[in-house]
Amino acid sequence: MALLYGWHTVAEALANPKRRFRRILATENAVNRLAEEGLALPLAPEVVRPSEIDKLLGPDAVHQGLLAEADHLPSPPLSKVAKADLVLVLDQITDPHNVGAIVRSAAAFAVGAIVTTARHSPPATGVLAKSASGGLEHVPFCLVQNLSRALTELKDNGMLVVGLDSEGAADLEDTPLRAPLALVLGAEGKGLRQLTRETCDVLARIDLPGVIKSLNVSNAAALSLGMARRALKRN
């Protein structure tokens, strides 16, 4: 089950016909806002005090008076993902804040899907969903058992697989890119695993002009997606 909280997260989920809800908790103010915005509710919300949502999520969660319990969205088959023009692949990125921010950027840059392993990946709920700010409803997660085999299947379907690596042979901006394209990012510190690196068609780096030469992985994802979209538009 997925816990979704915060206005943008829940509002986007309510607008998604694929999302199945089990329960909606809302403060009186949130209920009034839902009515003002004309959002259709699949079931009647339970009107509660903010403190009741705090008890469920913890005092630090910024829920804006809105919490929903829903089923997880279905994971599309890799064969369907391979038909997208741009895909993002995450190699054991485990921090939910980072993954959520990546999902938000992926939605902004019209990424067809995010491919990640079923293990060593945070669930699409809670903090991740909040950080994604509704992006989960627009970018499906394709969960696979073996990442290198998944990359090989994407390559067999004509995708160019480009791994982001600090030791890459060339700057991503100077790397010839074409659709369909899969960008692969690794965890901060560890980077891409060896087998993942070996499976990529190309390893590229992001050159930075400043004194700090590394980025948070979610920032690197946003920057690389922007470069990729510009390159695909030119081609």
C-alpha atoms as a PDB file:
ATOM      1  CA  MET A   1       0.000   0.000   0.000  1.00  0.00           C
ATOM      2  CA  ALA A   2       1.186   3.530  -0.801  1.00  0.00           C
ATOM      3  CA  LEU A   3       0.882   6.448   1.601  1.00  0.00           C
ATOM      4  CA  LEU A   4       0.417   9.698  -0.295  1.00  0.00           C
ATOM      5  CA  TYR A   5       0.400  13.036   1.487  1.00  0.00           C
ATOM      6  CA  GLY A   6       0.666  16.704   0.633  1.00  0.00           C
ATOM      7  CA  TRP A   7      -1.525  18.701  -1.714  1.00  0.00           C
ATOM      8  CA  HIS A   8       0.260  18.209  -5.055  1.00  0.00           C
ATOM      9  CA  THR A   9       0.960  14.539  -4.413  1.00  0.00           C
ATOM     10  CA  VAL A  10      -2.629  13.656  -3.530  1.00  0.00           C
ATOM     11  CA  ALA A  11      -4.243  15.978  -6.086  1.00  0.00           C
ATOM     12  CA  GLU A  12      -2.250  14.424  -8.942  1.00  0.00           C
ATOM     13  CA  ALA A  13      -3.130  10.955  -7.668  1.00  0.00           C
ATOM     14  CA  LEU A  14      -6.830  11.857  -7.561  1.00  0.00           C
ATOM     15  CA  ALA A  15      -6.605  12.955 -11.196  1.00  0.00           C
ATOM     16  CA  ASN A  16      -5.018   9.639 -12.214  1.00  0.00           C
ATOM     17  CA  PRO A  17      -7.680   7.086 -13.267  1.00  0.00           C
ATOM     18  CA  LYS A  18      -5.174   4.255 -12.746  1.00  0.00           C
ATOM     19  CA  ARG A  19      -4.798   4.997  -9.037  1.00  0.00           C
ATOM     20  CA  ARG A  20      -7.028   2.977  -6.692  1.00  0.00           C
ATOM     21  CA  PHE A  21      -7.744   4.542  -3.292  1.00  0.00           C
ATOM     22  CA  ARG A  22      -8.537   2.789  -0.036  1.00  0.00           C
ATOM     23  CA  ARG A  23      -8.857   5.728   2.321  1.00  0.00           C
ATOM     24  CA  ILE A  24      -8.634   9.530   2.282  1.00  0.00           C
ATOM     25  CA  LEU A  25      -8.056  11.594   5.409  1.00  0.00           C
ATOM     26  CA  ALA A  26      -8.475  15.350   5.165  1.00  0.00           C
ATOM     27  CA  THR A  27      -8.807  18.327   7.450  1.00  0.00           C
ATOM     28  CA  GLU A  28     -11.832  20.582   7.091  1.00  0.00           C
ATOM     29  CA  ASN A  29      -9.723  23.168   5.253  1.00  0.00           C
ATOM     30  CA  ALA A  30      -8.420  20.513   2.852  1.00  0.00           C
ATOM     31  CA  VAL A  31     -11.952  19.235   2.180  1.00  0.00           C
ATOM     32  CA  ASN A  32     -13.062  22.764   1.334  1.00  0.00           C
ATOM     33  CA  ARG A  33     -10.097  23.245  -0.980  1.00  0.00           C
ATOM     34  CA  LEU A  34     -10.802  19.950  -2.742  1.00  0.00           C
ATOM     35  CA  ALA A  35     -14.350  21.148  -3.381  1.00  0.00           C
ATOM     36  CA  GLU A  36     -13.161  24.551  -4.609  1.00  0.00           C
ATOM     37  CA  GLU A  37     -10.724  22.911  -7.040  1.00  0.00           C
ATOM     38  CA  GLY A  38     -13.430  20.586  -8.322  1.00  0.00           C
ATOM     39  CA  LEU A  39     -11.413  17.436  -7.711  1.00  0.00           C
ATOM     40  CA  ALA A  40     -13.533  14.296  -7.974  1.00  0.00           C
ATOM     41  CA  LEU A  41     -13.161  12.005  -4.981  1.00  0.00           C
ATOM     42  CA  PRO A  42     -13.431   8.224  -5.485  1.00  0.00           C
ATOM     43  CA  LEU A  43     -14.635   7.832  -1.899  1.00  0.00           C
ATOM     44  CA  ALA A  44     -15.821  10.069   0.916  1.00  0.00           C
ATOM     45  CA  PRO A  45     -12.934  11.581   2.902  1.00  0.00           C
ATOM     46  CA  GLU A  46     -12.649  11.132   6.648  1.00  0.00           C
ATOM     47  CA  VAL A  47     -12.589  14.635   8.131  1.00  0.00           C
ATOM     48  CA  VAL A  48      -9.898  14.738  10.821  1.00  0.00           C
ATOM     49  CA  ARG A  49      -7.813  17.195  12.800  1.00  0.00           C
ATOM     50  CA  PRO A  50      -4.230  17.895  11.604  1.00  0.00           C
ATOM     51  CA  SER A  51      -2.896  16.194  14.737  1.00  0.00           C
ATOM     52  CA  GLU A  52      -4.500  12.902  13.675  1.00  0.00           C
ATOM     53  CA  ILE A  53      -2.537  12.937  10.419  1.00  0.00           C
ATOM     54  CA  ASP A  54       0.581  13.934  12.387  1.00  0.00           C
ATOM     55  CA  LYS A  55       0.178  10.774  14.475  1.00  0.00           C
ATOM     56  CA  LEU A  56       0.169   8.622  11.336  1.00  0.00           C
ATOM     57  CA  LEU A  57       3.047  10.340   9.537  1.00  0.00           C
ATOM     58  CA  GLY A  58       5.128  11.910  12.282  1.00  0.00           C
ATOM     59  CA  PRO A  59       5.376  15.560  13.298  1.00  0.00           C
ATOM     60  CA  ASP A  60       7.888  16.503  10.583  1.00  0.00           C
ATOM     61  CA  ALA A  61       5.750  15.458   7.609  1.00  0.00           C
ATOM     62  CA  VAL A  62       4.399  18.426   5.640  1.00  0.00           C
ATOM     63  CA  HIS A  63       1.003  16.952   4.781  1.00  0.00           C
ATOM     64  CA  GLN A  64      -1.066  20.129   4.288  1.00  0.00           C
ATOM     65  CA  GLY A  65      -4.037  18.382   5.858  1.00  0.00           C
ATOM     66  CA  LEU A  66      -4.274  15.632   3.247  1.00  0.00           C
ATOM     67  CA  LEU A  67      -3.370  11.935   3.411  1.00  0.00           C
ATOM     68  CA  ALA A  68      -4.431   9.068   1.168  1.00  0.00           C
ATOM     69  CA  GLU A  69      -3.917   5.325   1.342  1.00  0.00           C
ATOM     70  CA  ALA A  70      -3.842   3.807  -2.131  1.00  0.00           C
ATOM     71  CA  ASP A  71      -2.672   0.789  -4.074  1.00  0.00           C
ATOM     72  CA  HIS A  72       0.671   0.992  -5.818  1.00  0.00           C
ATOM     73  CA  LEU A  73       0.505   1.705  -9.526  1.00  0.00           C
ATOM     74  CA  PRO A  74       1.225  -1.283 -11.790  1.00  0.00           C
ATOM     75  CA  SER A  75       4.766  -1.812 -13.068  1.00  0.00           C
ATOM     76  CA  PRO A  76       4.825  -1.817 -16.889  1.00  0.00           C
ATOM     77  CA  PRO A  77       6.656  -4.604 -18.726  1.00  0.00           C
ATOM     78  CA  LEU A  78      10.116  -3.796 -20.035  1.00  0.00           C
ATOM     79  CA  SER A  79       8.914  -4.457 -23.584  1.00  0.00           C
ATOM     80  CA  LYS A  80       6.551  -1.489 -23.256  1.00  0.00           C
ATOM     81  CA  VAL A  81       9.210   0.716 -21.640  1.00  0.00           C
ATOM     82  CA  ALA A  82      11.513   0.060 -24.596  1.00  0.00           C
ATOM     83  CA  LYS A  83       9.090   1.926 -26.875  1.00  0.00           C
ATOM     84  CA  ALA A  84       9.672   5.259 -25.084  1.00  0.00           C
ATOM     85  CA  ASP A  85      12.038   7.819 -26.588  1.00  0.00           C
ATOM     86  CA  LEU A  86      13.712   8.573 -23.233  1.00  0.00           C
ATOM     87  CA  VAL A  87      14.040   6.321 -20.194  1.00  0.00           C
ATOM     88  CA  LEU A  88      15.857   6.749 -16.888  1.00  0.00           C
ATOM     89  CA  VAL A  89      17.573   3.801 -15.192  1.00  0.00           C
ATOM     90  CA  LEU A  90      18.551   3.914 -11.507  1.00  0.00           C
ATOM     91  CA  ASP A  91      21.291   1.592 -10.258  1.00  0.00           C
ATOM     92  CA  GLN A  92      20.639   1.025  -6.543  1.00  0.00           C
ATOM     93  CA  ILE A  93      19.829   4.614  -5.584  1.00  0.00           C
ATOM     94  CA  THR A  94      18.269   4.056  -2.181  1.00  0.00           C
ATOM     95  CA  ASP A  95      17.579   7.499  -0.695  1.00  0.00           C
ATOM     96  CA  PRO A  96      13.834   8.225  -1.038  1.00  0.00           C
ATOM     97  CA  HIS A  97      14.325  12.009  -1.085  1.00  0.00           C
ATOM     98  CA  ASN A  98      16.739  11.695  -4.006  1.00  0.00           C
ATOM     99  CA  VAL A  99      14.576   9.227  -5.907  1.00  0.00           C
ATOM    100  CA  GLY A 100      11.506  11.394  -5.359  1.00  0.00           C
ATOM    101  CA  ALA A 101      13.326  14.460  -6.685  1.00  0.00           C
ATOM    102  CA  ILE A 102      14.482  12.406  -9.683  1.00  0.00           C
ATOM    103  CA  VAL A 103      10.886  11.360 -10.380  1.00  0.00           C
ATOM    104  CA  ARG A 104       9.807  14.999 -10.303  1.00  0.00           C
ATOM    105  CA  SER A 105      12.502  15.923 -12.842  1.00  0.00           C
ATOM    106  CA  ALA A 106      11.619  12.894 -14.954  1.00  0.00           C
ATOM    107  CA  ALA A 107       8.006  14.067 -15.137  1.00  0.00           C
ATOM    108  CA  ALA A 108       9.155  17.566 -16.094  1.00  0.00           C
ATOM    109  CA  PHE A 109      11.287  16.217 -18.954  1.00  0.00           C
ATOM    110  CA  ALA A 110       8.644  13.746 -20.216  1.00  0.00           C
ATOM    111  CA  VAL A 111      10.583  10.594 -19.361  1.00  0.00           C
ATOM    112  CA  GLY A 112       8.693   7.495 -20.483  1.00  0.00           C
ATOM    113  CA  ALA A 113       9.578   5.355 -17.458  1.00  0.00           C
ATOM    114  CA  ILE A 114      12.064   4.799 -14.666  1.00  0.00           C
ATOM    115  CA  VAL A 115      13.690   1.370 -14.568  1.00  0.00           C
ATOM    116  CA  THR A 116      15.035   0.160 -11.237  1.00  0.00           C
ATOM    117  CA  THR A 117      15.546  -3.073  -9.350  1.00  0.00           C
ATOM    118  CA  ALA A 118      12.824  -4.456  -7.118  1.00  0.00           C
ATOM    119  CA  ARG A 119      15.459  -4.782  -4.372  1.00  0.00           C
ATOM    120  CA  HIS A 120      17.788  -2.003  -3.184  1.00  0.00           C
ATOM    121  CA  SER A 121      15.270   0.649  -4.216  1.00  0.00           C
ATOM    122  CA  PRO A 122      12.928   2.665  -1.976  1.00  0.00           C
ATOM    123  CA  PRO A 123       9.191   1.953  -2.289  1.00  0.00           C
ATOM    124  CA  ALA A 124       7.047   4.475  -4.162  1.00  0.00           C
ATOM    125  CA  THR A 125       5.327   5.783  -1.056  1.00  0.00           C
ATOM    126  CA  GLY A 126       5.694   8.268   1.795  1.00  0.00           C
ATOM    127  CA  VAL A 127       8.718  10.562   1.553  1.00  0.00           C
ATOM    128  CA  LEU A 128       9.494   9.478  -2.009  1.00  0.00           C
ATOM    129  CA  ALA A 129       5.975  10.289  -3.176  1.00  0.00           C
ATOM    130  CA  LYS A 130       6.017  13.646  -1.371  1.00  0.00           C
ATOM    131  CA  SER A 131       9.393  14.580  -2.901  1.00  0.00           C
ATOM    132  CA  ALA A 132       8.084  13.605  -6.345  1.00  0.00           C
ATOM    133  CA  SER A 133       5.276  16.183  -5.935  1.00  0.00           C
ATOM    134  CA  GLY A 134       2.830  14.236  -8.091  1.00  0.00           C
ATOM    135  CA  GLY A 135       5.416  12.914 -10.544  1.00  0.00           C
ATOM    136  CA  LEU A 136       4.638   9.301  -9.640  1.00  0.00           C
ATOM    137  CA  GLU A 137       1.341   9.622 -11.494  1.00  0.00           C
ATOM    138  CA  HIS A 138       3.116  10.520 -14.739  1.00  0.00           C
ATOM    139  CA  VAL A 139       6.298   8.418 -14.783  1.00  0.00           C
ATOM    140  CA  PRO A 140       5.771   4.671 -14.268  1.00  0.00           C
ATOM    141  CA  PHE A 141       8.281   2.577 -12.337  1.00  0.00           C
ATOM    142  CA  CYS A 142       9.404  -0.557 -14.143  1.00  0.00           C
ATOM    143  CA  LEU A 143      10.727  -2.946 -11.489  1.00  0.00           C
ATOM    144  CA  VAL A 144      13.199  -5.578 -12.682  1.00  0.00           C
ATOM    145  CA  GLN A 145      15.072  -8.398 -10.972  1.00  0.00           C
ATOM    146  CA  ASN A 146      18.390  -7.970 -12.784  1.00  0.00           C
ATOM    147  CA  LEU A 147      19.483  -4.549 -14.024  1.00  0.00           C
ATOM    148  CA  SER A 148      22.177  -5.666 -16.456  1.00  0.00           C
ATOM    149  CA  ARG A 149      19.757  -8.067 -18.157  1.00  0.00           C
ATOM    150  CA  ALA A 150      17.193  -5.270 -18.356  1.00  0.00           C
ATOM    151  CA  LEU A 151      19.765  -2.981 -19.984  1.00  0.00           C
ATOM    152  CA  THR A 152      20.626  -5.709 -22.471  1.00  0.00           C
ATOM    153  CA  GLU A 153      16.944  -6.074 -23.357  1.00  0.00           C
ATOM    154  CA  LEU A 154      16.639  -2.318 -23.871  1.00  0.00           C
ATOM    155  CA  LYS A 155      19.688  -2.432 -26.144  1.00  0.00           C
ATOM    156  CA  ASP A 156      18.205  -5.355 -28.077  1.00  0.00           C
ATOM    157  CA  ASN A 157      15.155  -3.151 -28.672  1.00  0.00           C
ATOM    158  CA  GLY A 158      17.301  -0.443 -30.226  1.00  0.00           C
ATOM    159  CA  MET A 159      17.933   1.794 -27.226  1.00  0.00           C
ATOM    160  CA  LEU A 160      21.201   3.650 -26.807  1.00  0.00           C
ATOM    161  CA  VAL A 161      22.240   3.068 -23.186  1.00  0.00           C
ATOM    162  CA  VAL A 162      24.396   5.841 -21.729  1.00  0.00           C
ATOM    163  CA  GLY A 163      25.802   5.555 -18.215  1.00  0.00           C
ATOM    164  CA  LEU A 164      26.624   8.668 -16.197  1.00  0.00           C
ATOM    165  CA  ASP A 165      30.049   8.186 -14.654  1.00  0.00           C
ATOM    166  CA  SER A 166      32.710  10.584 -13.392  1.00  0.00           C
ATOM    167  CA  GLU A 167      35.296   8.558 -15.326  1.00  0.00           C
ATOM    168  CA  GLY A 168      33.326   8.690 -18.581  1.00  0.00           C
ATOM    169  CA  ALA A 169      35.290   9.132 -21.786  1.00  0.00           C
ATOM    170  CA  ALA A 170      33.531  12.355 -22.799  1.00  0.00           C
ATOM    171  CA  ASP A 171      31.274  15.073 -21.453  1.00  0.00           C
ATOM    172  CA  LEU A 172      27.606  14.162 -21.876  1.00  0.00           C
ATOM    173  CA  GLU A 173      27.094  17.422 -23.765  1.00  0.00           C
ATOM    174  CA  ASP A 174      29.642  16.266 -26.378  1.00  0.00           C
ATOM    175  CA  THR A 175      28.328  12.689 -26.585  1.00  0.00           C
ATOM    176  CA  PRO A 176      26.231  11.864 -29.675  1.00  0.00           C
ATOM    177  CA  LEU A 177      22.754  11.024 -28.393  1.00  0.00           C
ATOM    178  CA  ARG A 178      19.731   9.717 -30.264  1.00  0.00           C
ATOM    179  CA  ALA A 179      16.338   8.261 -29.478  1.00  0.00           C
ATOM    180  CA  PRO A 180      15.417   5.858 -28.085  1.00  0.00           C
ATOM    181  CA  LEU A 181      17.762   6.676 -25.211  1.00  0.00           C
ATOM    182  CA  ALA A 182      18.280   5.280 -21.714  1.00  0.00           C
ATOM    183  CA  LEU A 183      20.279   7.303 -19.185  1.00  0.00           C
ATOM    184  CA  VAL A 184      21.713   5.280 -16.297  1.00  0.00           C
ATOM    185  CA  LEU A 185      22.583   6.824 -12.926  1.00  0.00           C
ATOM    186  CA  GLY A 186      24.270   5.212  -9.946  1.00  0.00           C
ATOM    187  CA  ALA A 187      24.164   5.873  -6.234  1.00  0.00           C
ATOM    188  CA  GLU A 188      26.135   8.728  -4.724  1.00  0.00           C
ATOM    189  CA  GLY A 189      29.556   7.560  -3.609  1.00  0.00           C
ATOM    190  CA  LYS A 190      29.366   4.095  -5.188  1.00  0.00           C
ATOM    191  CA  GLY A 191      28.344   5.192  -8.658  1.00  0.00           C
ATOM    192  CA  LEU A 192      27.481   2.577 -11.252  1.00  0.00           C
ATOM    193  CA  ARG A 193      28.224  -1.040 -10.418  1.00  0.00           C
ATOM    194  CA  GLN A 194      30.856  -2.753 -12.552  1.00  0.00           C
ATOM    195  CA  LEU A 195      28.442  -4.967 -14.491  1.00  0.00           C
ATOM    196  CA  THR A 196      26.177  -1.990 -15.120  1.00  0.00           C
ATOM    197  CA  ARG A 197      29.141  -0.018 -16.477  1.00  0.00           C
ATOM    198  CA  GLU A 198      30.129  -2.883 -18.747  1.00  0.00           C
ATOM    199  CA  THR A 199      26.597  -3.230 -20.123  1.00  0.00           C
ATOM    200  CA  CYS A 200      26.238   0.439 -21.105  1.00  0.00           C
ATOM    201  CA  ASP A 201      26.967   1.400 -24.709  1.00  0.00           C
ATOM    202  CA  VAL A 202      28.698   4.598 -23.606  1.00  0.00           C
ATOM    203  CA  LEU A 203      29.958   6.090 -20.355  1.00  0.00           C
ATOM    204  CA  ALA A 204      29.728   9.874 -20.168  1.00  0.00           C
ATOM    205  CA  ARG A 205      30.546  12.417 -17.492  1.00  0.00           C
ATOM    206  CA  ILE A 206      29.123  15.818 -16.600  1.00  0.00           C
ATOM    207  CA  ASP A 207      31.875  18.449 -16.688  1.00  0.00           C
ATOM    208  CA  LEU A 208      31.407  21.257 -14.177  1.00  0.00           C
ATOM    209  CA  PRO A 209      33.222  24.616 -14.361  1.00  0.00           C
ATOM    210  CA  GLY A 210      33.254  25.335 -10.617  1.00  0.00           C
ATOM    211  CA  VAL A 211      35.585  24.208  -7.856  1.00  0.00           C
ATOM    212  CA  ILE A 212      33.118  21.545  -6.667  1.00  0.00           C
ATOM    213  CA  LYS A 213      33.123  18.785  -9.261  1.00  0.00           C
ATOM    214  CA  SER A 214      30.247  16.616  -8.092  1.00  0.00           C
ATOM    215  CA  LEU A 215      26.483  16.986  -7.846  1.00  0.00           C
ATOM    216  CA  ASN A 216      23.772  15.411  -5.763  1.00  0.00           C
ATOM    217  CA  VAL A 217      22.395  12.541  -7.852  1.00  0.00           C
ATOM    218  CA  SER A 218      18.983  14.183  -8.207  1.00  0.00           C
ATOM    219  CA  ASN A 219      20.624  17.365  -9.527  1.00  0.00           C
ATOM    220  CA  ALA A 220      22.776  15.299 -11.880  1.00  0.00           C
ATOM    221  CA  ALA A 221      19.625  13.580 -13.127  1.00  0.00           C
ATOM    222  CA  ALA A 222      17.883  16.884 -13.851  1.00  0.00           C
ATOM    223  CA  LEU A 223      20.943  18.294 -15.627  1.00  0.00           C
ATOM    224  CA  SER A 224      21.488  15.174 -17.737  1.00  0.00           C
ATOM    225  CA  LEU A 225      17.800  14.980 -18.675  1.00  0.00           C
ATOM    226  CA  GLY A 226      17.913  18.591 -19.831  1.00  0.00           C
ATOM    227  CA  MET A 227      20.972  17.853 -21.979  1.00  0.00           C
ATOM    228  CA  ALA A 228      19.341  14.725 -23.368  1.00  0.00           C
ATOM    229  CA  ARG A 229      16.098  16.482 -24.280  1.00  0.00           C
ATOM    230  CA  ARG A 230      17.988  19.247 -26.099  1.00  0.00           C
ATOM    231  CA  ALA A 231      20.048  16.672 -27.998  1.00  0.00           C
ATOM    232  CA  LEU A 232      16.983  14.633 -28.993  1.00  0.00           C
ATOM    233  CA  LYS A 233      15.214  17.793 -30.134  1.00  0.00           C
ATOM    234  CA  ARG A 234      18.150  18.677 -32.394  1.00  0.00           C
ATOM    235  CA  ASN A 235      18.104  15.200 -33.891  1.00  0.00           C
END
